[in-house]
Amino acid sequence: MTKVSAASRRAAQTAAMIETIEAWRCVGCGRLQAERPCVGICTDRRVELVEAQTVADLAWRVERLEAALALIARVMPKESELMTNWLALQARARALLDEA
């Protein structure tokens, strides 16, 4: 059985709150088309769209960064281990930042 972290649950809840629409994108020019039935009172407005995969990737990154931040906030090493722990936390933070 896999243990689901609180950050994972928050990321899933955030993803569930984000409204998505299915659309078709031209691989040549990038044009987007999403057919919806018109109810006769339509007004066109400019919107900014983000691909769902981009949001999912960012949610995953935030989850990993929050986990690293939680370690910094919650771990209290013995005084004799302060430098060792600090260097380990720095290495973890650098690895996460290098993933970007």
Protein backbone atom coordinates (compact mmCIF):
# COMPACT_ATOMS: atom_id res chain seq x y z
CA MET A 1 0.00 0.00 0.00
CA THR A 2 1.39 3.41 -0.98
CA LYS A 3 1.36 6.17 1.60
CA VAL A 4 0.01 9.42 0.14
CA SER A 5 1.53 12.60 1.54
CA ALA A 6 -0.49 15.65 2.50
CA ALA A 7 1.27 17.53 -0.30
CA SER A 8 0.13 14.87 -2.79
CA ARG A 9 -3.43 15.20 -1.59
CA ARG A 10 -3.25 19.01 -1.88
CA ALA A 11 -1.84 18.74 -5.40
CA ALA A 12 -4.66 16.38 -6.39
CA GLN A 13 -7.26 18.71 -4.85
CA THR A 14 -5.77 21.69 -6.67
CA ALA A 15 -5.80 19.81 -9.97
CA ALA A 16 -9.45 18.86 -9.38
CA MET A 17 -10.36 22.54 -8.85
CA ILE A 18 -8.79 23.67 -12.10
CA GLU A 19 -11.31 23.89 -14.91
CA THR A 20 -10.15 22.14 -18.04
CA ILE A 21 -11.65 21.96 -21.51
CA GLU A 22 -10.88 19.57 -24.30
CA ALA A 23 -9.61 21.31 -27.40
CA TRP A 24 -7.73 20.53 -30.57
CA ARG A 25 -4.44 22.23 -31.40
CA CYS A 26 -2.96 22.51 -34.88
CA VAL A 27 0.57 21.10 -34.82
CA GLY A 28 1.54 23.54 -37.57
CA CYS A 29 0.29 26.95 -36.47
CA GLY A 30 -0.84 26.28 -32.88
CA ARG A 31 -4.47 27.29 -33.51
CA LEU A 32 -6.82 26.04 -30.79
CA GLN A 33 -10.39 24.98 -31.36
CA ALA A 34 -12.89 23.91 -28.74
CA GLU A 35 -16.43 23.43 -29.96
CA ARG A 36 -19.21 24.26 -27.51
CA PRO A 37 -22.93 24.59 -28.16
CA CYS A 38 -24.02 28.23 -28.47
CA VAL A 39 -26.95 29.33 -26.33
CA GLY A 40 -27.47 32.52 -28.33
CA ILE A 41 -26.07 35.04 -25.86
CA CYS A 42 -22.39 34.44 -26.49
CA THR A 43 -19.72 37.12 -26.22
CA ASP A 44 -16.14 36.35 -27.13
CA ARG A 45 -13.48 37.22 -24.56
CA ARG A 46 -9.76 36.79 -24.68
CA VAL A 47 -8.52 34.06 -22.34
CA GLU A 48 -5.08 32.77 -21.45
CA LEU A 49 -4.72 29.01 -21.66
CA VAL A 50 -2.18 26.73 -20.06
CA GLU A 51 -1.73 23.09 -20.99
CA ALA A 52 -2.90 20.69 -18.28
CA GLN A 53 0.47 18.90 -18.39
CA THR A 54 2.22 22.18 -17.54
CA VAL A 55 0.00 22.58 -14.48
CA ALA A 56 0.59 18.95 -13.47
CA ASP A 57 4.37 19.38 -13.84
CA LEU A 58 4.34 22.51 -11.70
CA ALA A 59 2.14 20.86 -9.05
CA TRP A 60 4.65 17.99 -8.87
CA ARG A 61 7.52 20.46 -8.51
CA VAL A 62 5.73 22.40 -5.76
CA GLU A 63 5.06 19.13 -3.93
CA ARG A 64 8.75 18.17 -4.00
CA LEU A 65 9.87 21.66 -2.92
CA GLU A 66 7.32 21.67 -0.08
CA ALA A 67 8.66 18.33 1.11
CA ALA A 68 12.20 19.75 1.22
CA LEU A 69 10.98 22.86 3.00
CA ALA A 70 9.13 20.69 5.54
CA LEU A 71 12.41 18.97 6.37
CA ILE A 72 14.06 22.31 7.04
CA ALA A 73 11.13 23.41 9.20
CA ARG A 74 10.66 20.19 11.18
CA VAL A 75 14.06 18.52 11.55
CA MET A 76 16.02 19.49 14.64
CA PRO A 77 19.37 17.69 14.59
CA LYS A 78 21.65 17.29 17.56
CA GLU A 79 24.13 20.11 17.91
CA SER A 80 26.97 17.77 17.02
CA GLU A 81 25.22 16.99 13.70
CA LEU A 82 24.19 20.52 12.67
CA MET A 83 26.77 20.93 9.90
CA THR A 84 26.23 17.43 8.51
CA ASN A 85 22.47 17.97 8.40
CA TRP A 86 22.80 21.44 6.92
CA LEU A 87 25.04 20.14 4.13
CA ALA A 88 22.58 17.31 3.41
CA LEU A 89 19.67 19.78 3.22
CA GLN A 90 21.69 22.03 0.92
CA ALA A 91 22.51 19.09 -1.35
CA ARG A 92 18.83 18.13 -1.52
CA ALA A 93 17.80 21.72 -2.28
CA ARG A 94 20.43 22.01 -5.01
CA ALA A 95 19.28 18.75 -6.59
CA LEU A 96 15.68 19.98 -6.65
CA LEU A 97 16.69 23.32 -8.14
CA ASP A 98 18.82 21.59 -10.77
CA GLU A 99 15.76 19.60 -11.92
CA ALA A 100 14.20 22.81 -13.25
